[in-house]
N, C-alpha and C. Protein backbone atom coordinates (compact mmCIF):
# COMPACT_ATOMS: atom_id res chain seq x y z
N MET A 1 0.83 -1.18 0.00
CA MET A 1 0.00 0.00 0.00
C MET A 1 0.88 1.25 0.00
N LYS A 2 0.59 2.15 -0.90
CA LYS A 2 1.37 3.37 -1.04
C LYS A 2 1.00 4.35 0.07
N ALA A 3 2.02 4.96 0.67
CA ALA A 3 1.80 5.92 1.74
C ALA A 3 1.17 7.20 1.18
N ARG A 4 0.36 7.82 2.00
CA ARG A 4 -0.23 9.10 1.62
C ARG A 4 0.86 10.16 1.50
N PRO A 5 0.66 11.10 0.60
CA PRO A 5 1.66 12.16 0.50
C PRO A 5 1.64 13.06 1.74
N VAL A 6 2.79 13.58 2.06
CA VAL A 6 2.90 14.58 3.12
C VAL A 6 2.46 15.91 2.49
N VAL A 7 1.57 16.63 3.14
CA VAL A 7 1.08 17.90 2.61
C VAL A 7 1.83 19.04 3.30
N LYS A 8 2.39 19.94 2.49
CA LYS A 8 3.15 21.07 3.00
C LYS A 8 2.65 22.36 2.34
N LYS A 9 2.24 23.30 3.16
CA LYS A 9 1.86 24.62 2.65
C LYS A 9 3.09 25.50 2.57
N ILE A 10 3.29 26.10 1.40
CA ILE A 10 4.40 27.04 1.22
C ILE A 10 3.85 28.34 0.63
N CYS A 11 4.58 29.41 0.82
CA CYS A 11 4.22 30.71 0.26
C CYS A 11 5.30 31.13 -0.73
N ILE A 12 4.88 31.81 -1.78
CA ILE A 12 5.83 32.42 -2.69
C ILE A 12 5.65 33.93 -2.53
N LEU A 13 6.75 34.59 -2.15
CA LEU A 13 6.68 35.98 -1.71
C LEU A 13 7.66 36.86 -2.46
N GLY A 14 7.29 38.11 -2.64
CA GLY A 14 8.17 39.08 -3.27
C GLY A 14 7.35 40.25 -3.78
N ASP A 15 8.06 41.25 -4.24
CA ASP A 15 7.43 42.46 -4.77
C ASP A 15 6.57 42.15 -5.99
N PRO A 16 5.68 43.09 -6.35
CA PRO A 16 4.90 42.91 -7.58
C PRO A 16 5.82 42.77 -8.79
N ALA A 17 5.43 41.92 -9.72
CA ALA A 17 6.09 41.76 -11.02
C ALA A 17 7.49 41.16 -10.95
N VAL A 18 7.83 40.44 -9.87
CA VAL A 18 9.12 39.75 -9.82
C VAL A 18 9.05 38.38 -10.51
N GLY A 19 7.82 37.92 -10.80
CA GLY A 19 7.65 36.65 -11.49
C GLY A 19 7.10 35.52 -10.63
N LYS A 20 6.50 35.85 -9.49
CA LYS A 20 5.98 34.81 -8.60
C LYS A 20 4.95 33.93 -9.29
N THR A 21 3.95 34.53 -9.88
CA THR A 21 2.89 33.78 -10.54
C THR A 21 3.44 33.00 -11.73
N SER A 22 4.38 33.58 -12.45
CA SER A 22 5.00 32.89 -13.59
C SER A 22 5.81 31.68 -13.12
N LEU A 23 6.51 31.81 -11.99
CA LEU A 23 7.26 30.67 -11.46
C LEU A 23 6.32 29.54 -11.06
N VAL A 24 5.22 29.88 -10.41
CA VAL A 24 4.25 28.85 -10.02
C VAL A 24 3.64 28.21 -11.25
N GLY A 25 3.29 29.01 -12.25
CA GLY A 25 2.72 28.48 -13.49
C GLY A 25 3.69 27.55 -14.21
N ARG A 26 4.95 27.91 -14.24
CA ARG A 26 5.98 27.07 -14.86
C ARG A 26 6.11 25.75 -14.10
N PHE A 27 6.11 25.82 -12.77
CA PHE A 27 6.27 24.63 -11.94
C PHE A 27 5.05 23.71 -12.01
N VAL A 28 3.86 24.26 -11.85
CA VAL A 28 2.65 23.46 -11.76
C VAL A 28 2.16 22.99 -13.13
N ARG A 29 2.16 23.89 -14.12
CA ARG A 29 1.58 23.57 -15.43
C ARG A 29 2.58 23.53 -16.57
N SER A 30 3.85 23.74 -16.28
CA SER A 30 4.90 23.81 -17.31
C SER A 30 4.56 24.83 -18.38
N GLN A 31 4.00 25.97 -17.94
CA GLN A 31 3.60 27.03 -18.86
C GLN A 31 4.20 28.36 -18.43
N PHE A 32 4.38 29.24 -19.42
CA PHE A 32 4.83 30.60 -19.15
C PHE A 32 4.01 31.54 -20.01
N GLY A 33 3.46 32.56 -19.41
CA GLY A 33 2.70 33.56 -20.15
C GLY A 33 3.43 34.88 -20.14
N GLU A 34 3.48 35.56 -21.27
CA GLU A 34 4.17 36.85 -21.38
C GLU A 34 3.38 37.98 -20.73
N ASP A 35 2.07 37.83 -20.60
CA ASP A 35 1.24 38.90 -20.07
C ASP A 35 1.35 38.98 -18.55
N TYR A 36 1.46 40.20 -18.04
CA TYR A 36 1.52 40.40 -16.60
C TYR A 36 0.10 40.56 -16.06
N LEU A 37 -0.25 39.70 -15.13
CA LEU A 37 -1.53 39.80 -14.43
C LEU A 37 -1.23 39.87 -12.95
N SER A 38 -1.62 40.97 -12.34
CA SER A 38 -1.37 41.18 -10.92
C SER A 38 -2.24 40.24 -10.09
N THR A 39 -1.63 39.57 -9.11
CA THR A 39 -2.38 38.71 -8.20
C THR A 39 -3.09 39.61 -7.20
N ILE A 40 -4.36 39.34 -6.99
CA ILE A 40 -5.13 40.10 -6.02
C ILE A 40 -5.36 39.19 -4.82
N GLY A 41 -4.80 39.58 -3.69
CA GLY A 41 -4.91 38.75 -2.49
C GLY A 41 -3.94 37.59 -2.56
N ALA A 42 -4.48 36.43 -2.89
CA ALA A 42 -3.63 35.23 -3.00
C ALA A 42 -4.26 34.27 -3.99
N SER A 43 -3.41 33.47 -4.61
CA SER A 43 -3.84 32.40 -5.50
C SER A 43 -3.23 31.12 -4.95
N VAL A 44 -3.98 30.03 -5.00
CA VAL A 44 -3.51 28.77 -4.44
C VAL A 44 -3.48 27.70 -5.52
N MET A 45 -2.36 26.98 -5.61
CA MET A 45 -2.20 25.86 -6.54
C MET A 45 -1.54 24.72 -5.80
N GLU A 46 -1.66 23.53 -6.35
CA GLU A 46 -1.06 22.35 -5.74
C GLU A 46 -0.29 21.55 -6.77
N LYS A 47 0.75 20.89 -6.28
CA LYS A 47 1.50 19.95 -7.13
C LYS A 47 2.16 18.92 -6.24
N SER A 48 2.09 17.67 -6.68
CA SER A 48 2.74 16.57 -5.95
C SER A 48 4.10 16.28 -6.55
N LEU A 49 5.02 15.93 -5.67
CA LEU A 49 6.39 15.57 -6.07
C LEU A 49 6.77 14.25 -5.43
N GLU A 50 7.57 13.49 -6.13
CA GLU A 50 8.18 12.29 -5.56
C GLU A 50 9.63 12.64 -5.27
N LEU A 51 10.03 12.48 -4.02
CA LEU A 51 11.38 12.83 -3.62
C LEU A 51 12.10 11.61 -3.08
N ASP A 52 13.40 11.57 -3.29
CA ASP A 52 14.23 10.51 -2.73
C ASP A 52 14.99 11.12 -1.56
N THR A 53 14.53 10.82 -0.35
CA THR A 53 15.15 11.37 0.85
C THR A 53 15.85 10.25 1.61
N GLY A 54 17.15 10.28 1.56
CA GLY A 54 17.93 9.26 2.26
C GLY A 54 17.68 7.86 1.77
N GLY A 55 17.52 7.69 0.45
CA GLY A 55 17.28 6.38 -0.13
C GLY A 55 15.84 5.90 -0.03
N LYS A 56 14.98 6.75 0.51
CA LYS A 56 13.57 6.39 0.68
C LYS A 56 12.71 7.32 -0.18
N LYS A 57 11.84 6.72 -0.98
CA LYS A 57 10.93 7.52 -1.81
C LYS A 57 9.81 8.07 -0.94
N ARG A 58 9.58 9.38 -1.08
CA ARG A 58 8.50 10.02 -0.34
C ARG A 58 7.72 10.91 -1.28
N SER A 59 6.44 10.96 -1.06
CA SER A 59 5.57 11.81 -1.85
C SER A 59 5.18 13.03 -1.01
N VAL A 60 5.31 14.20 -1.61
CA VAL A 60 4.92 15.43 -0.93
C VAL A 60 3.99 16.21 -1.84
N GLU A 61 2.92 16.73 -1.26
CA GLU A 61 2.01 17.59 -2.01
C GLU A 61 2.23 19.01 -1.52
N LEU A 62 2.71 19.85 -2.42
CA LEU A 62 2.93 21.25 -2.09
C LEU A 62 1.65 22.04 -2.36
N VAL A 63 1.18 22.74 -1.36
CA VAL A 63 0.06 23.66 -1.50
C VAL A 63 0.72 25.04 -1.53
N ILE A 64 0.71 25.65 -2.71
CA ILE A 64 1.50 26.85 -2.96
C ILE A 64 0.59 28.08 -2.93
N TRP A 65 0.85 28.94 -1.98
CA TRP A 65 0.12 30.20 -1.86
C TRP A 65 0.94 31.30 -2.51
N ASP A 66 0.45 31.80 -3.63
CA ASP A 66 1.07 32.91 -4.36
C ASP A 66 0.44 34.18 -3.79
N ILE A 67 1.19 34.86 -2.94
CA ILE A 67 0.65 36.00 -2.21
C ILE A 67 1.00 37.30 -2.92
N ALA A 68 -0.02 38.16 -3.07
CA ALA A 68 0.16 39.44 -3.77
C ALA A 68 1.27 40.25 -3.14
N GLY A 69 2.03 40.92 -3.98
CA GLY A 69 3.15 41.73 -3.49
C GLY A 69 2.79 43.16 -3.17
N GLN A 70 1.58 43.59 -3.50
CA GLN A 70 1.19 44.97 -3.25
C GLN A 70 0.98 45.23 -1.76
N HIS A 71 1.40 46.39 -1.33
CA HIS A 71 1.32 46.75 0.09
C HIS A 71 -0.11 46.87 0.60
N GLN A 72 -1.09 47.13 -0.27
CA GLN A 72 -2.46 47.30 0.21
C GLN A 72 -3.06 46.00 0.72
N PHE A 73 -2.41 44.87 0.48
CA PHE A 73 -2.93 43.59 0.95
C PHE A 73 -2.31 43.14 2.27
N THR A 74 -1.46 43.98 2.88
CA THR A 74 -0.77 43.55 4.09
C THR A 74 -1.71 43.33 5.27
N SER A 75 -2.89 43.94 5.27
CA SER A 75 -3.81 43.74 6.40
C SER A 75 -4.40 42.32 6.40
N VAL A 76 -4.46 41.66 5.27
CA VAL A 76 -5.00 40.30 5.22
C VAL A 76 -3.89 39.25 5.22
N THR A 77 -2.66 39.70 5.19
CA THR A 77 -1.52 38.80 5.09
C THR A 77 -1.44 37.74 6.17
N PRO A 78 -1.67 38.05 7.46
CA PRO A 78 -1.52 37.00 8.48
C PRO A 78 -2.33 35.75 8.19
N GLY A 79 -3.53 35.90 7.68
CA GLY A 79 -4.36 34.74 7.34
C GLY A 79 -3.78 33.92 6.21
N PHE A 80 -3.13 34.58 5.26
CA PHE A 80 -2.52 33.86 4.14
C PHE A 80 -1.36 32.98 4.61
N TYR A 81 -0.64 33.45 5.61
CA TYR A 81 0.53 32.73 6.11
C TYR A 81 0.19 31.57 7.04
N ARG A 82 -1.00 31.56 7.61
CA ARG A 82 -1.36 30.55 8.62
C ARG A 82 -1.11 29.13 8.11
N GLY A 83 -0.30 28.40 8.83
CA GLY A 83 -0.01 27.01 8.50
C GLY A 83 1.12 26.81 7.51
N ALA A 84 1.70 27.89 7.01
CA ALA A 84 2.81 27.77 6.05
C ALA A 84 4.07 27.29 6.77
N GLU A 85 4.77 26.39 6.12
CA GLU A 85 6.00 25.84 6.70
C GLU A 85 7.25 26.28 5.96
N GLY A 86 7.09 26.85 4.78
CA GLY A 86 8.24 27.26 4.00
C GLY A 86 7.87 28.35 3.02
N ALA A 87 8.90 28.99 2.46
CA ALA A 87 8.66 30.07 1.50
C ALA A 87 9.72 30.10 0.42
N LEU A 88 9.30 30.55 -0.73
CA LEU A 88 10.21 30.92 -1.80
C LEU A 88 10.16 32.45 -1.84
N LEU A 89 11.30 33.07 -1.61
CA LEU A 89 11.42 34.53 -1.61
C LEU A 89 11.98 34.93 -2.96
N VAL A 90 11.22 35.73 -3.72
CA VAL A 90 11.58 36.01 -5.11
C VAL A 90 12.02 37.46 -5.30
N CYS A 91 13.10 37.59 -6.02
CA CYS A 91 13.69 38.89 -6.35
C CYS A 91 13.86 38.93 -7.87
N ASP A 92 13.72 40.12 -8.44
CA ASP A 92 13.88 40.32 -9.89
C ASP A 92 15.28 40.87 -10.15
N LEU A 93 16.08 40.10 -10.86
CA LEU A 93 17.47 40.50 -11.14
C LEU A 93 17.58 41.81 -11.91
N THR A 94 16.49 42.26 -12.51
CA THR A 94 16.54 43.49 -13.30
C THR A 94 16.07 44.72 -12.51
N ARG A 95 15.70 44.52 -11.23
CA ARG A 95 15.21 45.64 -10.40
C ARG A 95 15.84 45.54 -8.99
N ARG A 96 16.81 46.42 -8.73
CA ARG A 96 17.58 46.38 -7.49
C ARG A 96 16.71 46.51 -6.24
N GLU A 97 15.65 47.31 -6.28
CA GLU A 97 14.83 47.49 -5.08
C GLU A 97 14.18 46.18 -4.62
N THR A 98 14.01 45.24 -5.53
CA THR A 98 13.42 43.96 -5.13
C THR A 98 14.39 43.14 -4.28
N LEU A 99 15.69 43.39 -4.46
CA LEU A 99 16.70 42.75 -3.62
C LEU A 99 16.63 43.32 -2.19
N ARG A 100 16.56 44.64 -2.07
CA ARG A 100 16.43 45.27 -0.75
C ARG A 100 15.17 44.79 -0.04
N ASN A 101 14.09 44.63 -0.78
CA ASN A 101 12.81 44.25 -0.17
C ASN A 101 12.74 42.79 0.24
N LEU A 102 13.68 41.95 -0.22
CA LEU A 102 13.71 40.55 0.23
C LEU A 102 13.80 40.47 1.75
N PHE A 103 14.51 41.40 2.34
CA PHE A 103 14.68 41.39 3.79
C PHE A 103 13.34 41.62 4.50
N ARG A 104 12.51 42.51 3.94
CA ARG A 104 11.17 42.76 4.50
C ARG A 104 10.30 41.52 4.35
N TRP A 105 10.35 40.87 3.17
CA TRP A 105 9.54 39.67 2.95
C TRP A 105 9.96 38.54 3.89
N ASP A 106 11.26 38.38 4.06
CA ASP A 106 11.76 37.35 4.96
C ASP A 106 11.31 37.63 6.40
N HIS A 107 11.44 38.88 6.82
CA HIS A 107 11.03 39.25 8.18
C HIS A 107 9.53 38.99 8.38
N GLN A 108 8.73 39.37 7.41
CA GLN A 108 7.29 39.17 7.50
C GLN A 108 6.95 37.68 7.60
N PHE A 109 7.59 36.88 6.76
CA PHE A 109 7.33 35.43 6.79
C PHE A 109 7.70 34.84 8.14
N ARG A 110 8.89 35.18 8.62
CA ARG A 110 9.33 34.65 9.93
C ARG A 110 8.42 35.12 11.05
N SER A 111 7.94 36.35 10.98
CA SER A 111 7.08 36.90 12.03
C SER A 111 5.74 36.19 12.11
N PHE A 112 5.14 35.91 10.96
CA PHE A 112 3.81 35.31 10.95
C PHE A 112 3.83 33.79 11.09
N THR A 113 4.98 33.15 10.80
CA THR A 113 5.01 31.68 10.83
C THR A 113 6.00 31.10 11.83
N SER A 114 6.94 31.86 12.27
CA SER A 114 8.08 31.41 13.08
C SER A 114 8.90 30.33 12.37
N SER A 115 8.80 30.28 11.06
CA SER A 115 9.57 29.34 10.25
C SER A 115 10.79 30.05 9.64
N THR A 116 11.85 29.31 9.49
CA THR A 116 13.04 29.84 8.81
C THR A 116 13.33 29.05 7.53
N ASN A 117 12.36 28.26 7.08
CA ASN A 117 12.53 27.43 5.89
C ASN A 117 12.23 28.24 4.63
N ALA A 118 13.26 28.66 3.96
CA ALA A 118 13.05 29.44 2.74
C ALA A 118 14.19 29.19 1.76
N VAL A 119 13.88 29.43 0.50
CA VAL A 119 14.88 29.43 -0.57
C VAL A 119 14.67 30.74 -1.32
N ILE A 120 15.76 31.44 -1.60
CA ILE A 120 15.68 32.69 -2.33
C ILE A 120 15.84 32.41 -3.82
N LEU A 121 14.95 32.99 -4.61
CA LEU A 121 15.01 32.84 -6.07
C LEU A 121 15.35 34.19 -6.69
N PHE A 122 16.47 34.24 -7.37
CA PHE A 122 16.84 35.42 -8.13
C PHE A 122 16.34 35.16 -9.54
N ASN A 123 15.18 35.73 -9.84
CA ASN A 123 14.43 35.40 -11.05
C ASN A 123 14.78 36.33 -12.22
N LYS A 124 14.41 35.87 -13.40
CA LYS A 124 14.63 36.55 -14.67
C LYS A 124 16.10 36.46 -15.10
N SER A 125 16.72 35.34 -14.78
CA SER A 125 18.12 35.13 -15.17
C SER A 125 18.30 35.06 -16.68
N ASP A 126 17.20 34.87 -17.40
CA ASP A 126 17.27 34.84 -18.87
C ASP A 126 17.49 36.25 -19.45
N LEU A 127 17.33 37.27 -18.63
CA LEU A 127 17.50 38.65 -19.10
C LEU A 127 18.87 39.20 -18.69
N ALA A 128 19.91 38.44 -18.98
CA ALA A 128 21.27 38.77 -18.54
C ALA A 128 21.68 40.20 -18.90
N GLU A 129 21.28 40.66 -20.09
CA GLU A 129 21.68 42.00 -20.52
C GLU A 129 20.98 43.10 -19.72
N LYS A 130 19.92 42.77 -18.99
CA LYS A 130 19.18 43.77 -18.20
C LYS A 130 19.43 43.64 -16.70
N CYS A 131 20.24 42.65 -16.30
CA CYS A 131 20.50 42.44 -14.87
C CYS A 131 21.23 43.65 -14.28
N VAL A 132 20.78 44.07 -13.10
CA VAL A 132 21.39 45.22 -12.43
C VAL A 132 22.12 44.82 -11.15
N MET A 133 22.13 43.53 -10.84
CA MET A 133 22.86 43.10 -9.65
C MET A 133 23.83 41.98 -10.01
N THR A 134 24.89 41.92 -9.25
CA THR A 134 25.93 40.93 -9.50
C THR A 134 25.64 39.66 -8.72
N ALA A 135 26.32 38.60 -9.11
CA ALA A 135 26.20 37.34 -8.38
C ALA A 135 26.70 37.52 -6.95
N ASP A 136 27.72 38.36 -6.75
CA ASP A 136 28.23 38.62 -5.39
C ASP A 136 27.16 39.29 -4.52
N GLU A 137 26.42 40.24 -5.08
CA GLU A 137 25.35 40.90 -4.33
C GLU A 137 24.27 39.89 -3.94
N ALA A 138 23.91 39.03 -4.89
CA ALA A 138 22.90 38.01 -4.62
C ALA A 138 23.37 37.06 -3.52
N GLU A 139 24.60 36.62 -3.63
CA GLU A 139 25.14 35.69 -2.62
C GLU A 139 25.26 36.36 -1.26
N SER A 140 25.61 37.62 -1.22
CA SER A 140 25.71 38.35 0.03
C SER A 140 24.35 38.44 0.73
N ALA A 141 23.33 38.76 -0.03
CA ALA A 141 21.98 38.84 0.53
C ALA A 141 21.54 37.48 1.05
N ALA A 142 21.79 36.43 0.30
CA ALA A 142 21.41 35.07 0.72
C ALA A 142 22.14 34.69 2.01
N ARG A 143 23.42 35.06 2.10
CA ARG A 143 24.18 34.77 3.33
C ARG A 143 23.59 35.53 4.52
N GLN A 144 23.26 36.80 4.31
CA GLN A 144 22.69 37.61 5.39
C GLN A 144 21.35 37.04 5.87
N LEU A 145 20.56 36.56 4.94
CA LEU A 145 19.25 36.00 5.29
C LEU A 145 19.34 34.54 5.73
N GLU A 146 20.51 33.95 5.52
CA GLU A 146 20.77 32.56 5.91
C GLU A 146 19.86 31.56 5.22
N HIS A 147 19.69 31.78 3.90
CA HIS A 147 18.89 30.87 3.08
C HIS A 147 19.69 30.43 1.86
N PRO A 148 19.44 29.22 1.38
CA PRO A 148 20.02 28.84 0.09
C PRO A 148 19.37 29.69 -1.01
N HIS A 149 20.04 29.77 -2.15
CA HIS A 149 19.49 30.57 -3.24
C HIS A 149 19.76 29.92 -4.58
N MET A 150 18.97 30.33 -5.58
CA MET A 150 19.13 29.84 -6.95
C MET A 150 18.80 30.95 -7.93
N MET A 151 19.47 30.92 -9.05
CA MET A 151 19.13 31.79 -10.17
C MET A 151 18.07 31.06 -10.97
N THR A 152 16.93 31.72 -11.21
CA THR A 152 15.84 31.06 -11.91
C THR A 152 15.36 31.91 -13.10
N SER A 153 14.62 31.24 -13.97
CA SER A 153 13.93 31.93 -15.06
C SER A 153 12.60 31.21 -15.27
N ALA A 154 11.52 31.90 -14.97
CA ALA A 154 10.20 31.32 -15.23
C ALA A 154 10.00 31.15 -16.74
N LYS A 155 10.59 32.04 -17.52
CA LYS A 155 10.43 31.98 -18.97
C LYS A 155 11.09 30.74 -19.57
N SER A 156 12.34 30.51 -19.21
CA SER A 156 13.06 29.35 -19.78
C SER A 156 12.85 28.08 -18.95
N GLY A 157 12.44 28.26 -17.71
CA GLY A 157 12.27 27.11 -16.81
C GLY A 157 13.53 26.79 -16.02
N ALA A 158 14.60 27.55 -16.22
CA ALA A 158 15.88 27.27 -15.56
C ALA A 158 15.73 27.26 -14.03
N ASN A 159 16.06 26.13 -13.43
CA ASN A 159 16.09 25.92 -11.98
C ASN A 159 14.74 26.04 -11.27
N VAL A 160 13.65 26.17 -11.99
CA VAL A 160 12.35 26.33 -11.34
C VAL A 160 11.97 25.06 -10.57
N GLU A 161 11.97 23.93 -11.24
CA GLU A 161 11.64 22.66 -10.57
C GLU A 161 12.62 22.40 -9.43
N ASP A 162 13.91 22.67 -9.66
CA ASP A 162 14.92 22.46 -8.63
C ASP A 162 14.65 23.30 -7.39
N ALA A 163 14.18 24.53 -7.57
CA ALA A 163 13.90 25.41 -6.45
C ALA A 163 12.77 24.87 -5.57
N PHE A 164 11.68 24.46 -6.20
CA PHE A 164 10.56 23.90 -5.44
C PHE A 164 10.97 22.60 -4.76
N ARG A 165 11.74 21.78 -5.47
CA ARG A 165 12.22 20.53 -4.88
C ARG A 165 13.14 20.78 -3.68
N ALA A 166 14.01 21.77 -3.81
CA ALA A 166 14.93 22.09 -2.72
C ALA A 166 14.17 22.48 -1.46
N LEU A 167 13.14 23.29 -1.63
CA LEU A 167 12.33 23.67 -0.47
C LEU A 167 11.58 22.47 0.10
N ALA A 168 11.00 21.65 -0.77
CA ALA A 168 10.28 20.45 -0.30
C ALA A 168 11.21 19.51 0.46
N GLU A 169 12.42 19.32 -0.05
CA GLU A 169 13.39 18.45 0.63
C GLU A 169 13.77 19.02 1.99
N LYS A 170 13.93 20.32 2.04
CA LYS A 170 14.24 21.00 3.30
C LYS A 170 13.12 20.77 4.31
N LEU A 171 11.89 20.87 3.86
CA LEU A 171 10.74 20.68 4.76
C LEU A 171 10.63 19.23 5.24
N LEU A 172 10.92 18.28 4.36
CA LEU A 172 10.82 16.87 4.73
C LEU A 172 11.96 16.42 5.64
N SER A 173 13.07 17.15 5.62
CA SER A 173 14.23 16.75 6.40
C SER A 173 14.08 17.10 7.88
N GLN A 174 13.02 17.80 8.22
CA GLN A 174 12.85 18.22 9.62
C GLN A 174 11.95 17.28 10.39
């Protein structure tokens, strides 16, 4: 008899237009849309993964809460975070202010959940000619926040699956 999947609620957080919804769409449906649609409140999607943890196959179902990045939704934010065990913190490599704001997103996540399980995604790596931050700056921020990090591209799919898997593995290892 196959074991039931472990269910883990995670949040994907970051400023507006960093690619949160695109990353979730790429991961869940293997799709990327060029049109920007602002998330209002939160959007929820699910995807199951099979992971090999210590030689043992485990199934995990990620319940992914794509939380709006606009400040006007901060009053409803505590409810969105309830029960979350991990987060993907997303920054746009083409907009420096999104790097500074990662610290606010991390603080907010830790405050509402008391969790430190996160992976930082430096998104839009496919736009190398428009990048405004260096790999050293990205690594420095990740060190300060004490989270692993990855360069991702929702458009090309680079490291998207790996990022979600890394967070899921982190959650299962506890």
